[in-house]
Amino acid sequence: MPVNNKRNSAVINQAAGAVIRSLRKEKNLSGYDLGCLTGLSQQQISRYERGSNHLTLNLLIAILLALDTTPEDFLYQMNIHCGFTDSKNMLSVFRKEHSSFNDDETVFYS
């Protein structure tokens, strides 16, 4: 049975949200403006930026397009925010935390 990693998931969501907020502010956009560009409400943007809601890949791509940011730049900013020197460090930590999973098990976060 998989170990529940809600804490780790929350940390990732908070880091992703902090990066989105930082990128949004760099573009001088309000949460409302980003919401209009992505079809989301300002409240939804705020929840994603706080890490309260989980980002789907489709939503992340829509946000990155609205912010004119590449996935590579986003991941680079995530590494900086989390204190890693590169993506391999971030992924290796995540992999170690999930080493108790079997390859045939699928994990869904809600």
N, C-alpha and C. Protein backbone atom coordinates (compact mmCIF):
# COMPACT_ATOMS: atom_id res chain seq x y z
N MET A 1 0.84 -1.18 0.00
CA MET A 1 0.00 0.00 0.00
C MET A 1 0.89 1.24 0.00
N PRO A 2 0.61 2.23 -0.87
CA PRO A 2 1.45 3.41 -0.95
C PRO A 2 1.38 4.26 0.31
N VAL A 3 2.48 4.88 0.60
CA VAL A 3 2.54 5.83 1.71
C VAL A 3 1.91 7.13 1.24
N ASN A 4 1.11 7.73 2.09
CA ASN A 4 0.46 8.99 1.73
C ASN A 4 1.47 10.12 1.92
N ASN A 5 1.76 10.83 0.87
CA ASN A 5 2.73 11.92 0.92
C ASN A 5 2.05 13.27 0.74
N LYS A 6 0.96 13.49 1.47
CA LYS A 6 0.24 14.76 1.34
C LYS A 6 1.12 15.93 1.73
N ARG A 7 1.97 15.74 2.73
CA ARG A 7 2.86 16.83 3.16
C ARG A 7 3.81 17.22 2.03
N ASN A 8 4.42 16.22 1.39
CA ASN A 8 5.34 16.49 0.29
C ASN A 8 4.60 17.12 -0.88
N SER A 9 3.40 16.64 -1.15
CA SER A 9 2.58 17.19 -2.22
C SER A 9 2.25 18.65 -1.92
N ALA A 10 1.94 18.95 -0.67
CA ALA A 10 1.63 20.33 -0.29
C ALA A 10 2.83 21.24 -0.48
N VAL A 11 4.02 20.75 -0.16
CA VAL A 11 5.24 21.55 -0.33
C VAL A 11 5.46 21.85 -1.81
N ILE A 12 5.26 20.86 -2.65
CA ILE A 12 5.42 21.06 -4.10
C ILE A 12 4.39 22.06 -4.61
N ASN A 13 3.13 21.92 -4.17
CA ASN A 13 2.09 22.85 -4.59
C ASN A 13 2.39 24.28 -4.13
N GLN A 14 2.88 24.43 -2.91
CA GLN A 14 3.22 25.76 -2.41
C GLN A 14 4.38 26.37 -3.18
N ALA A 15 5.38 25.56 -3.50
CA ALA A 15 6.52 26.07 -4.27
C ALA A 15 6.08 26.48 -5.67
N ALA A 16 5.26 25.64 -6.30
CA ALA A 16 4.77 25.96 -7.65
C ALA A 16 3.95 27.25 -7.61
N GLY A 17 3.11 27.38 -6.60
CA GLY A 17 2.30 28.59 -6.45
C GLY A 17 3.14 29.84 -6.24
N ALA A 18 4.18 29.70 -5.43
CA ALA A 18 5.07 30.85 -5.17
C ALA A 18 5.77 31.28 -6.46
N VAL A 19 6.17 30.32 -7.26
CA VAL A 19 6.82 30.65 -8.54
C VAL A 19 5.82 31.32 -9.48
N ILE A 20 4.61 30.80 -9.55
CA ILE A 20 3.59 31.42 -10.41
C ILE A 20 3.33 32.85 -9.96
N ARG A 21 3.20 33.07 -8.65
CA ARG A 21 2.98 34.42 -8.14
C ARG A 21 4.14 35.35 -8.51
N SER A 22 5.35 34.86 -8.34
CA SER A 22 6.52 35.66 -8.68
C SER A 22 6.55 36.02 -10.17
N LEU A 23 6.30 35.03 -11.02
CA LEU A 23 6.28 35.28 -12.47
C LEU A 23 5.16 36.25 -12.85
N ARG A 24 4.00 36.10 -12.20
CA ARG A 24 2.87 37.00 -12.47
C ARG A 24 3.23 38.43 -12.10
N LYS A 25 3.86 38.60 -10.95
CA LYS A 25 4.24 39.94 -10.51
C LYS A 25 5.32 40.55 -11.40
N GLU A 26 6.24 39.71 -11.89
CA GLU A 26 7.26 40.20 -12.83
C GLU A 26 6.63 40.78 -14.09
N LYS A 27 5.48 40.21 -14.48
CA LYS A 27 4.76 40.67 -15.68
C LYS A 27 3.79 41.81 -15.35
N ASN A 28 3.80 42.26 -14.09
CA ASN A 28 2.90 43.33 -13.64
C ASN A 28 1.43 42.99 -13.89
N LEU A 29 1.08 41.73 -13.63
CA LEU A 29 -0.30 41.29 -13.77
C LEU A 29 -0.91 41.08 -12.40
N SER A 30 -2.17 41.42 -12.26
CA SER A 30 -2.90 41.11 -11.03
C SER A 30 -3.41 39.68 -11.13
N GLY A 31 -3.87 39.15 -10.02
CA GLY A 31 -4.50 37.83 -10.04
C GLY A 31 -5.72 37.82 -10.94
N TYR A 32 -6.44 38.93 -10.94
CA TYR A 32 -7.60 39.06 -11.81
C TYR A 32 -7.17 39.00 -13.28
N ASP A 33 -6.10 39.74 -13.63
CA ASP A 33 -5.60 39.73 -15.01
C ASP A 33 -5.21 38.32 -15.46
N LEU A 34 -4.47 37.61 -14.60
CA LEU A 34 -4.05 36.25 -14.95
C LEU A 34 -5.27 35.34 -15.08
N GLY A 35 -6.25 35.55 -14.22
CA GLY A 35 -7.49 34.78 -14.32
C GLY A 35 -8.18 35.00 -15.65
N CYS A 36 -8.24 36.25 -16.09
CA CYS A 36 -8.87 36.55 -17.38
C CYS A 36 -8.12 35.88 -18.53
N LEU A 37 -6.80 35.85 -18.43
CA LEU A 37 -5.99 35.24 -19.49
C LEU A 37 -6.12 33.71 -19.54
N THR A 38 -6.47 33.12 -18.40
CA THR A 38 -6.53 31.66 -18.32
C THR A 38 -7.95 31.12 -18.21
N GLY A 39 -8.92 32.00 -18.08
CA GLY A 39 -10.30 31.56 -17.91
C GLY A 39 -10.64 31.14 -16.49
N LEU A 40 -9.83 31.57 -15.54
CA LEU A 40 -10.05 31.26 -14.13
C LEU A 40 -10.45 32.52 -13.38
N SER A 41 -11.05 32.33 -12.23
CA SER A 41 -11.38 33.49 -11.40
C SER A 41 -10.14 33.92 -10.61
N GLN A 42 -10.18 35.14 -10.10
CA GLN A 42 -9.08 35.63 -9.26
C GLN A 42 -8.94 34.75 -8.03
N GLN A 43 -10.06 34.27 -7.50
CA GLN A 43 -10.02 33.40 -6.32
C GLN A 43 -9.31 32.08 -6.62
N GLN A 44 -9.57 31.53 -7.81
CA GLN A 44 -8.89 30.28 -8.19
C GLN A 44 -7.39 30.52 -8.34
N ILE A 45 -7.02 31.62 -8.97
CA ILE A 45 -5.59 31.94 -9.11
C ILE A 45 -4.95 32.04 -7.73
N SER A 46 -5.62 32.70 -6.82
CA SER A 46 -5.11 32.86 -5.46
C SER A 46 -4.91 31.50 -4.79
N ARG A 47 -5.85 30.59 -4.96
CA ARG A 47 -5.72 29.25 -4.37
C ARG A 47 -4.53 28.48 -4.94
N TYR A 48 -4.31 28.61 -6.24
CA TYR A 48 -3.16 27.95 -6.85
C TYR A 48 -1.86 28.58 -6.36
N GLU A 49 -1.84 29.89 -6.25
CA GLU A 49 -0.63 30.58 -5.80
C GLU A 49 -0.30 30.27 -4.34
N ARG A 50 -1.30 30.02 -3.53
CA ARG A 50 -1.07 29.66 -2.12
C ARG A 50 -0.74 28.18 -1.96
N GLY A 51 -0.97 27.40 -3.02
CA GLY A 51 -0.73 25.97 -2.94
C GLY A 51 -1.89 25.20 -2.35
N SER A 52 -3.04 25.86 -2.23
CA SER A 52 -4.23 25.21 -1.67
C SER A 52 -4.83 24.19 -2.64
N ASN A 53 -4.73 24.47 -3.92
CA ASN A 53 -5.26 23.58 -4.96
C ASN A 53 -4.11 22.95 -5.74
N HIS A 54 -4.34 21.73 -6.19
CA HIS A 54 -3.35 21.04 -7.02
C HIS A 54 -3.45 21.53 -8.46
N LEU A 55 -2.31 21.78 -9.06
CA LEU A 55 -2.25 22.17 -10.47
C LEU A 55 -2.26 20.93 -11.35
N THR A 56 -3.07 20.94 -12.39
CA THR A 56 -2.97 19.90 -13.40
C THR A 56 -1.93 20.36 -14.42
N LEU A 57 -1.44 19.43 -15.20
CA LEU A 57 -0.47 19.78 -16.23
C LEU A 57 -1.09 20.73 -17.25
N ASN A 58 -2.34 20.47 -17.64
CA ASN A 58 -3.01 21.35 -18.60
C ASN A 58 -3.15 22.77 -18.06
N LEU A 59 -3.51 22.88 -16.80
CA LEU A 59 -3.65 24.21 -16.20
C LEU A 59 -2.30 24.90 -16.08
N LEU A 60 -1.28 24.16 -15.68
CA LEU A 60 0.06 24.75 -15.58
C LEU A 60 0.51 25.28 -16.94
N ILE A 61 0.28 24.52 -17.98
CA ILE A 61 0.66 24.97 -19.33
C ILE A 61 -0.11 26.23 -19.70
N ALA A 62 -1.40 26.27 -19.41
CA ALA A 62 -2.19 27.47 -19.71
C ALA A 62 -1.66 28.69 -18.96
N ILE A 63 -1.29 28.50 -17.70
CA ILE A 63 -0.75 29.60 -16.90
C ILE A 63 0.60 30.04 -17.46
N LEU A 64 1.45 29.08 -17.80
CA LEU A 64 2.77 29.43 -18.34
C LEU A 64 2.64 30.16 -19.67
N LEU A 65 1.70 29.74 -20.51
CA LEU A 65 1.47 30.45 -21.78
C LEU A 65 1.00 31.88 -21.51
N ALA A 66 0.09 32.05 -20.56
CA ALA A 66 -0.40 33.39 -20.22
C ALA A 66 0.71 34.27 -19.67
N LEU A 67 1.67 33.64 -18.98
CA LEU A 67 2.79 34.39 -18.41
C LEU A 67 3.98 34.48 -19.36
N ASP A 68 3.83 33.93 -20.57
CA ASP A 68 4.90 33.91 -21.57
C ASP A 68 6.19 33.35 -20.97
N THR A 69 6.04 32.19 -20.32
CA THR A 69 7.15 31.53 -19.63
C THR A 69 7.25 30.09 -20.11
N THR A 70 8.44 29.60 -20.27
CA THR A 70 8.64 28.22 -20.71
C THR A 70 8.58 27.26 -19.52
N PRO A 71 8.24 26.00 -19.76
CA PRO A 71 8.29 25.02 -18.68
C PRO A 71 9.70 24.91 -18.08
N GLU A 72 10.71 25.06 -18.92
CA GLU A 72 12.09 24.99 -18.42
C GLU A 72 12.37 26.12 -17.44
N ASP A 73 11.91 27.33 -17.75
CA ASP A 73 12.11 28.45 -16.84
C ASP A 73 11.33 28.24 -15.55
N PHE A 74 10.12 27.72 -15.68
CA PHE A 74 9.32 27.43 -14.49
C PHE A 74 10.04 26.45 -13.58
N LEU A 75 10.55 25.34 -14.15
CA LEU A 75 11.25 24.35 -13.34
C LEU A 75 12.54 24.92 -12.75
N TYR A 76 13.22 25.75 -13.50
CA TYR A 76 14.42 26.41 -12.98
C TYR A 76 14.06 27.26 -11.76
N GLN A 77 12.98 28.03 -11.86
CA GLN A 77 12.52 28.86 -10.74
C GLN A 77 12.09 27.99 -9.55
N MET A 78 11.47 26.84 -9.83
CA MET A 78 11.10 25.92 -8.76
C MET A 78 12.34 25.42 -8.02
N ASN A 79 13.37 25.08 -8.78
CA ASN A 79 14.62 24.63 -8.16
C ASN A 79 15.19 25.70 -7.25
N ILE A 80 15.22 26.92 -7.71
CA ILE A 80 15.74 28.03 -6.90
C ILE A 80 14.90 28.20 -5.65
N HIS A 81 13.59 28.21 -5.83
CA HIS A 81 12.69 28.40 -4.69
C HIS A 81 12.86 27.31 -3.64
N CYS A 82 13.07 26.08 -4.10
CA CYS A 82 13.22 24.94 -3.18
C CYS A 82 14.64 24.76 -2.68
N GLY A 83 15.58 25.53 -3.21
CA GLY A 83 16.96 25.45 -2.75
C GLY A 83 17.78 24.35 -3.39
N PHE A 84 17.33 23.85 -4.54
CA PHE A 84 18.10 22.83 -5.25
C PHE A 84 18.99 23.49 -6.29
N THR A 85 20.08 22.80 -6.61
CA THR A 85 21.00 23.34 -7.61
C THR A 85 20.59 22.99 -9.03
N ASP A 86 19.84 21.90 -9.20
CA ASP A 86 19.35 21.54 -10.53
C ASP A 86 18.16 20.60 -10.40
N SER A 87 17.50 20.35 -11.53
CA SER A 87 16.29 19.52 -11.54
C SER A 87 16.57 18.10 -11.09
N LYS A 88 17.75 17.58 -11.38
CA LYS A 88 18.06 16.21 -10.98
C LYS A 88 18.04 16.08 -9.46
N ASN A 89 18.52 17.11 -8.74
CA ASN A 89 18.47 17.06 -7.28
C ASN A 89 17.04 17.02 -6.79
N MET A 90 16.19 17.87 -7.37
CA MET A 90 14.79 17.92 -6.97
C MET A 90 14.13 16.57 -7.24
N LEU A 91 14.35 16.01 -8.42
CA LEU A 91 13.73 14.74 -8.77
C LEU A 91 14.27 13.59 -7.93
N SER A 92 15.56 13.61 -7.59
CA SER A 92 16.12 12.52 -6.79
C SER A 92 15.54 12.53 -5.38
N VAL A 93 15.31 13.71 -4.82
CA VAL A 93 14.68 13.79 -3.50
C VAL A 93 13.26 13.26 -3.57
N PHE A 94 12.52 13.67 -4.60
CA PHE A 94 11.15 13.20 -4.77
C PHE A 94 11.14 11.68 -4.96
N ARG A 95 12.06 11.17 -5.74
CA ARG A 95 12.14 9.73 -6.00
C ARG A 95 12.42 8.97 -4.70
N LYS A 96 13.34 9.48 -3.87
CA LYS A 96 13.66 8.82 -2.60
C LYS A 96 12.45 8.80 -1.68
N GLU A 97 11.70 9.89 -1.67
CA GLU A 97 10.52 9.96 -0.81
C GLU A 97 9.44 8.99 -1.25
N HIS A 98 9.46 8.60 -2.52
CA HIS A 98 8.45 7.70 -3.06
C HIS A 98 9.01 6.31 -3.34
N SER A 99 10.15 5.97 -2.77
CA SER A 99 10.80 4.69 -3.07
C SER A 99 10.00 3.50 -2.56
N SER A 100 9.05 3.73 -1.67
CA SER A 100 8.25 2.62 -1.17
C SER A 100 7.16 2.20 -2.14
N PHE A 101 6.97 2.97 -3.22
CA PHE A 101 5.94 2.62 -4.20
C PHE A 101 6.44 1.51 -5.11
N ASN A 102 5.54 0.63 -5.47
CA ASN A 102 5.85 -0.37 -6.49
C ASN A 102 5.64 0.26 -7.84
N ASP A 103 6.34 -0.22 -8.85
CA ASP A 103 6.23 0.34 -10.19
C ASP A 103 4.82 0.24 -10.76
N ASP A 104 4.06 -0.76 -10.33
CA ASP A 104 2.74 -0.96 -10.90
C ASP A 104 1.65 -0.17 -10.17
N GLU A 105 2.00 0.56 -9.13
CA GLU A 105 1.02 1.34 -8.39
C GLU A 105 0.94 2.75 -8.93
N THR A 106 -0.24 3.29 -8.98
CA THR A 106 -0.47 4.65 -9.44
C THR A 106 -0.88 5.48 -8.24
N VAL A 107 -0.32 6.68 -8.12
CA VAL A 107 -0.63 7.55 -7.00
C VAL A 107 -1.40 8.74 -7.51
N PHE A 108 -2.50 9.03 -6.88
CA PHE A 108 -3.30 10.20 -7.22
C PHE A 108 -3.39 11.07 -5.98
N TYR A 109 -3.18 12.34 -6.14
CA TYR A 109 -3.34 13.29 -5.04
C TYR A 109 -4.64 14.02 -5.22
N SER A 110 -5.36 14.19 -4.13
CA SER A 110 -6.63 14.92 -4.22
C SER A 110 -6.64 16.10 -3.28
